Amino acid sequence: MKKPEITNEPLHKTPANLEQILNSDPKLLEKWNKLTPLAQNEWICWITMPKKEETKEKRLNRLQEDLLKGKRRPCCWPGCPHRRPKAAKWFK
């Protein structure tokens, strides 16, 4: 049987810690692969934007919880400033 793997290629590079989490949980990986590349970008950017490692870790944990609950995008976040120039104002 073929091992599940990340199937979509988001624009942002998938961080190693996120890849490790996705590959360790088949249900989470399945939910991740059902997301569009654009939605994956939103999650990746949301996880990597904070400066503190503590915040990044909290967001990784929340990503796992939210995806398994069926959420498709990070909540209460203006969006990826790399994709939406209007969202960039929130990250200065």
N, C-alpha and C. Protein backbone atom coordinates (compact mmCIF):
# COMPACT_ATOMS: atom_id res chain seq x y z
N MET A 1 0.83 -1.18 0.00
CA MET A 1 0.00 0.00 0.00
C MET A 1 0.88 1.24 0.00
N LYS A 2 0.54 2.19 -0.86
CA LYS A 2 1.33 3.41 -0.98
C LYS A 2 1.11 4.32 0.22
N LYS A 3 2.19 4.87 0.76
CA LYS A 3 2.12 5.78 1.90
C LYS A 3 1.49 7.10 1.46
N PRO A 4 0.52 7.65 2.22
CA PRO A 4 -0.07 8.93 1.86
C PRO A 4 0.99 10.02 1.85
N GLU A 5 0.83 10.97 0.97
CA GLU A 5 1.77 12.08 0.89
C GLU A 5 1.03 13.36 0.56
N ILE A 6 1.70 14.48 0.74
CA ILE A 6 1.12 15.78 0.40
C ILE A 6 0.99 15.83 -1.11
N THR A 7 -0.22 16.13 -1.59
CA THR A 7 -0.46 16.05 -3.03
C THR A 7 -0.46 17.41 -3.73
N ASN A 8 -0.94 18.46 -3.09
CA ASN A 8 -0.97 19.78 -3.73
C ASN A 8 0.33 20.50 -3.48
N GLU A 9 0.67 21.41 -4.36
CA GLU A 9 1.87 22.22 -4.20
C GLU A 9 1.46 23.66 -3.97
N PRO A 10 1.44 24.10 -2.71
CA PRO A 10 1.10 25.50 -2.44
C PRO A 10 2.22 26.41 -2.92
N LEU A 11 1.92 27.70 -3.04
CA LEU A 11 2.92 28.67 -3.48
C LEU A 11 4.02 28.83 -2.44
N HIS A 12 3.63 28.86 -1.17
CA HIS A 12 4.63 28.93 -0.10
C HIS A 12 5.22 27.54 0.11
N LYS A 13 6.48 27.51 0.50
CA LYS A 13 7.10 26.22 0.82
C LYS A 13 6.52 25.70 2.12
N THR A 14 6.16 24.43 2.13
CA THR A 14 5.61 23.82 3.34
C THR A 14 6.74 23.66 4.36
N PRO A 15 6.60 24.28 5.54
CA PRO A 15 7.65 24.16 6.56
C PRO A 15 7.84 22.71 6.99
N ALA A 16 9.06 22.37 7.36
CA ALA A 16 9.39 21.00 7.75
C ALA A 16 8.56 20.52 8.93
N ASN A 17 8.33 21.40 9.91
CA ASN A 17 7.55 20.98 11.08
C ASN A 17 6.10 20.69 10.72
N LEU A 18 5.53 21.45 9.78
CA LEU A 18 4.17 21.18 9.32
C LEU A 18 4.12 19.89 8.53
N GLU A 19 5.11 19.70 7.68
CA GLU A 19 5.18 18.46 6.88
C GLU A 19 5.25 17.23 7.80
N GLN A 20 6.05 17.34 8.85
CA GLN A 20 6.20 16.24 9.80
C GLN A 20 4.87 15.93 10.48
N ILE A 21 4.15 16.96 10.89
CA ILE A 21 2.85 16.78 11.55
C ILE A 21 1.84 16.14 10.58
N LEU A 22 1.82 16.63 9.36
CA LEU A 22 0.88 16.11 8.37
C LEU A 22 1.17 14.64 8.07
N ASN A 23 2.44 14.31 7.94
CA ASN A 23 2.81 12.93 7.61
C ASN A 23 2.63 11.96 8.77
N SER A 24 2.49 12.50 9.99
CA SER A 24 2.33 11.62 11.15
C SER A 24 0.86 11.30 11.46
N ASP A 25 -0.06 11.98 10.78
CA ASP A 25 -1.49 11.78 11.06
C ASP A 25 -2.25 11.64 9.74
N PRO A 26 -2.61 10.41 9.36
CA PRO A 26 -3.28 10.19 8.07
C PRO A 26 -4.58 10.98 7.89
N LYS A 27 -5.37 11.13 8.96
CA LYS A 27 -6.62 11.89 8.84
C LYS A 27 -6.34 13.36 8.58
N LEU A 28 -5.36 13.90 9.26
CA LEU A 28 -4.98 15.30 9.06
C LEU A 28 -4.45 15.51 7.65
N LEU A 29 -3.62 14.59 7.20
CA LEU A 29 -3.07 14.67 5.85
C LEU A 29 -4.18 14.62 4.80
N GLU A 30 -5.15 13.78 5.02
CA GLU A 30 -6.28 13.68 4.08
C GLU A 30 -7.03 15.02 4.01
N LYS A 31 -7.29 15.62 5.16
CA LYS A 31 -7.98 16.93 5.19
C LYS A 31 -7.13 17.99 4.50
N TRP A 32 -5.81 17.96 4.76
CA TRP A 32 -4.89 18.93 4.15
C TRP A 32 -4.92 18.80 2.62
N ASN A 33 -4.88 17.59 2.13
CA ASN A 33 -4.85 17.36 0.69
C ASN A 33 -6.17 17.74 0.00
N LYS A 34 -7.24 17.83 0.77
CA LYS A 34 -8.53 18.25 0.20
C LYS A 34 -8.62 19.77 0.09
N LEU A 35 -7.70 20.49 0.73
CA LEU A 35 -7.68 21.94 0.63
C LEU A 35 -7.13 22.36 -0.72
N THR A 36 -7.57 23.51 -1.18
CA THR A 36 -6.99 24.06 -2.41
C THR A 36 -5.58 24.57 -2.10
N PRO A 37 -4.72 24.70 -3.10
CA PRO A 37 -3.40 25.27 -2.85
C PRO A 37 -3.49 26.66 -2.22
N LEU A 38 -4.51 27.42 -2.59
CA LEU A 38 -4.69 28.75 -2.01
C LEU A 38 -4.99 28.67 -0.51
N ALA A 39 -5.85 27.75 -0.12
CA ALA A 39 -6.16 27.57 1.30
C ALA A 39 -4.92 27.08 2.05
N GLN A 40 -4.16 26.19 1.44
CA GLN A 40 -2.92 25.72 2.07
C GLN A 40 -1.96 26.88 2.28
N ASN A 41 -1.88 27.78 1.30
CA ASN A 41 -1.02 28.95 1.44
C ASN A 41 -1.44 29.80 2.63
N GLU A 42 -2.75 29.96 2.81
CA GLU A 42 -3.24 30.75 3.93
C GLU A 42 -2.77 30.15 5.25
N TRP A 43 -2.88 28.84 5.39
CA TRP A 43 -2.43 28.17 6.61
C TRP A 43 -0.93 28.31 6.79
N ILE A 44 -0.17 28.07 5.74
CA ILE A 44 1.29 28.14 5.83
C ILE A 44 1.73 29.55 6.23
N CYS A 45 1.16 30.54 5.60
CA CYS A 45 1.52 31.92 5.91
C CYS A 45 1.12 32.25 7.34
N TRP A 46 -0.05 31.82 7.76
CA TRP A 46 -0.55 32.08 9.11
C TRP A 46 0.39 31.46 10.15
N ILE A 47 0.94 30.30 9.85
CA ILE A 47 1.85 29.61 10.77
C ILE A 47 3.23 30.28 10.79
N THR A 48 3.72 30.71 9.65
CA THR A 48 5.10 31.19 9.56
C THR A 48 5.27 32.69 9.83
N MET A 49 4.20 33.46 9.81
CA MET A 49 4.30 34.91 9.98
C MET A 49 4.76 35.36 11.37
N PRO A 50 4.34 34.74 12.45
CA PRO A 50 4.76 35.23 13.78
C PRO A 50 6.27 35.16 13.97
N LYS A 51 6.78 36.09 14.78
CA LYS A 51 8.22 36.11 15.06
C LYS A 51 8.59 35.13 16.17
N LYS A 52 7.72 34.96 17.15
CA LYS A 52 8.02 34.08 18.28
C LYS A 52 7.75 32.62 17.92
N GLU A 53 8.70 31.77 18.28
CA GLU A 53 8.53 30.33 18.05
C GLU A 53 7.34 29.78 18.85
N GLU A 54 7.13 30.35 20.01
CA GLU A 54 6.01 29.92 20.86
C GLU A 54 4.67 30.11 20.14
N THR A 55 4.53 31.24 19.46
CA THR A 55 3.29 31.53 18.72
C THR A 55 3.17 30.58 17.52
N LYS A 56 4.26 30.34 16.85
CA LYS A 56 4.23 29.41 15.71
C LYS A 56 3.79 28.02 16.16
N GLU A 57 4.30 27.60 17.31
CA GLU A 57 3.94 26.28 17.85
C GLU A 57 2.45 26.22 18.20
N LYS A 58 1.94 27.28 18.81
CA LYS A 58 0.51 27.34 19.15
C LYS A 58 -0.33 27.26 17.88
N ARG A 59 0.12 27.94 16.85
CA ARG A 59 -0.64 27.93 15.59
C ARG A 59 -0.59 26.57 14.91
N LEU A 60 0.52 25.88 15.02
CA LEU A 60 0.59 24.52 14.47
C LEU A 60 -0.41 23.61 15.17
N ASN A 61 -0.49 23.73 16.49
CA ASN A 61 -1.45 22.93 17.24
C ASN A 61 -2.89 23.29 16.85
N ARG A 62 -3.14 24.58 16.70
CA ARG A 62 -4.49 25.01 16.33
C ARG A 62 -4.84 24.55 14.92
N LEU A 63 -3.88 24.58 14.02
CA LEU A 63 -4.12 24.09 12.65
C LEU A 63 -4.61 22.66 12.70
N GLN A 64 -3.96 21.83 13.50
CA GLN A 64 -4.36 20.42 13.61
C GLN A 64 -5.79 20.30 14.10
N GLU A 65 -6.12 21.03 15.16
CA GLU A 65 -7.47 20.99 15.73
C GLU A 65 -8.51 21.49 14.72
N ASP A 66 -8.21 22.63 14.11
CA ASP A 66 -9.17 23.25 13.19
C ASP A 66 -9.41 22.40 11.95
N LEU A 67 -8.34 21.87 11.36
CA LEU A 67 -8.52 21.04 10.17
C LEU A 67 -9.34 19.79 10.47
N LEU A 68 -9.05 19.16 11.60
CA LEU A 68 -9.79 17.96 11.96
C LEU A 68 -11.26 18.26 12.26
N LYS A 69 -11.56 19.51 12.63
CA LYS A 69 -12.95 19.93 12.86
C LYS A 69 -13.63 20.32 11.54
N GLY A 70 -12.85 20.39 10.46
CA GLY A 70 -13.43 20.71 9.15
C GLY A 70 -13.22 22.14 8.68
N LYS A 71 -12.49 22.94 9.44
CA LYS A 71 -12.23 24.32 9.01
C LYS A 71 -11.25 24.30 7.84
N ARG A 72 -11.46 25.22 6.92
CA ARG A 72 -10.65 25.23 5.72
C ARG A 72 -9.65 26.38 5.66
N ARG A 73 -9.85 27.40 6.47
CA ARG A 73 -8.95 28.56 6.51
C ARG A 73 -8.74 29.00 7.95
N PRO A 74 -7.62 29.70 8.22
CA PRO A 74 -7.42 30.22 9.58
C PRO A 74 -8.47 31.28 9.89
N CYS A 75 -9.00 31.22 11.08
CA CYS A 75 -10.05 32.15 11.50
C CYS A 75 -9.44 33.48 11.95
N CYS A 76 -10.17 34.53 11.72
CA CYS A 76 -9.81 35.86 12.25
C CYS A 76 -8.43 36.29 11.79
N TRP A 77 -8.13 36.09 10.55
CA TRP A 77 -6.84 36.48 9.98
C TRP A 77 -7.12 37.16 8.66
N PRO A 78 -6.52 38.33 8.40
CA PRO A 78 -6.86 39.08 7.19
C PRO A 78 -6.44 38.44 5.88
N GLY A 79 -5.65 37.39 5.95
CA GLY A 79 -5.23 36.71 4.74
C GLY A 79 -3.75 36.88 4.48
N CYS A 80 -3.27 36.16 3.53
CA CYS A 80 -1.85 36.16 3.19
C CYS A 80 -1.47 37.49 2.54
N PRO A 81 -0.56 38.25 3.16
CA PRO A 81 -0.17 39.54 2.57
C PRO A 81 0.60 39.38 1.26
N HIS A 82 1.08 38.18 0.98
CA HIS A 82 1.79 37.93 -0.27
C HIS A 82 0.81 37.79 -1.43
N ARG A 83 -0.44 37.46 -1.10
CA ARG A 83 -1.45 37.25 -2.13
C ARG A 83 -2.42 38.42 -2.21
N ARG A 84 -2.72 39.00 -1.06
CA ARG A 84 -3.69 40.08 -0.99
C ARG A 84 -3.00 41.36 -0.55
N PRO A 85 -2.69 42.25 -1.46
CA PRO A 85 -2.00 43.48 -1.07
C PRO A 85 -2.74 44.28 0.02
N LYS A 86 -4.08 44.22 0.03
CA LYS A 86 -4.83 44.94 1.04
C LYS A 86 -4.61 44.36 2.44
N ALA A 87 -4.27 43.09 2.53
CA ALA A 87 -4.01 42.47 3.83
C ALA A 87 -2.64 42.87 4.37
N ALA A 88 -1.76 43.33 3.51
CA ALA A 88 -0.39 43.68 3.93
C ALA A 88 -0.39 44.77 5.00
N LYS A 89 -1.39 45.64 5.00
CA LYS A 89 -1.43 46.73 5.98
C LYS A 89 -1.49 46.21 7.42
N TRP A 90 -1.98 45.00 7.62
CA TRP A 90 -2.09 44.43 8.95
C TRP A 90 -0.78 43.85 9.48
N PHE A 91 0.25 43.81 8.64
CA PHE A 91 1.49 43.14 9.02
C PHE A 91 2.68 44.09 9.06
N LYS A 92 2.46 45.37 9.23
CA LYS A 92 3.57 46.33 9.29
C LYS A 92 4.12 46.46 10.66
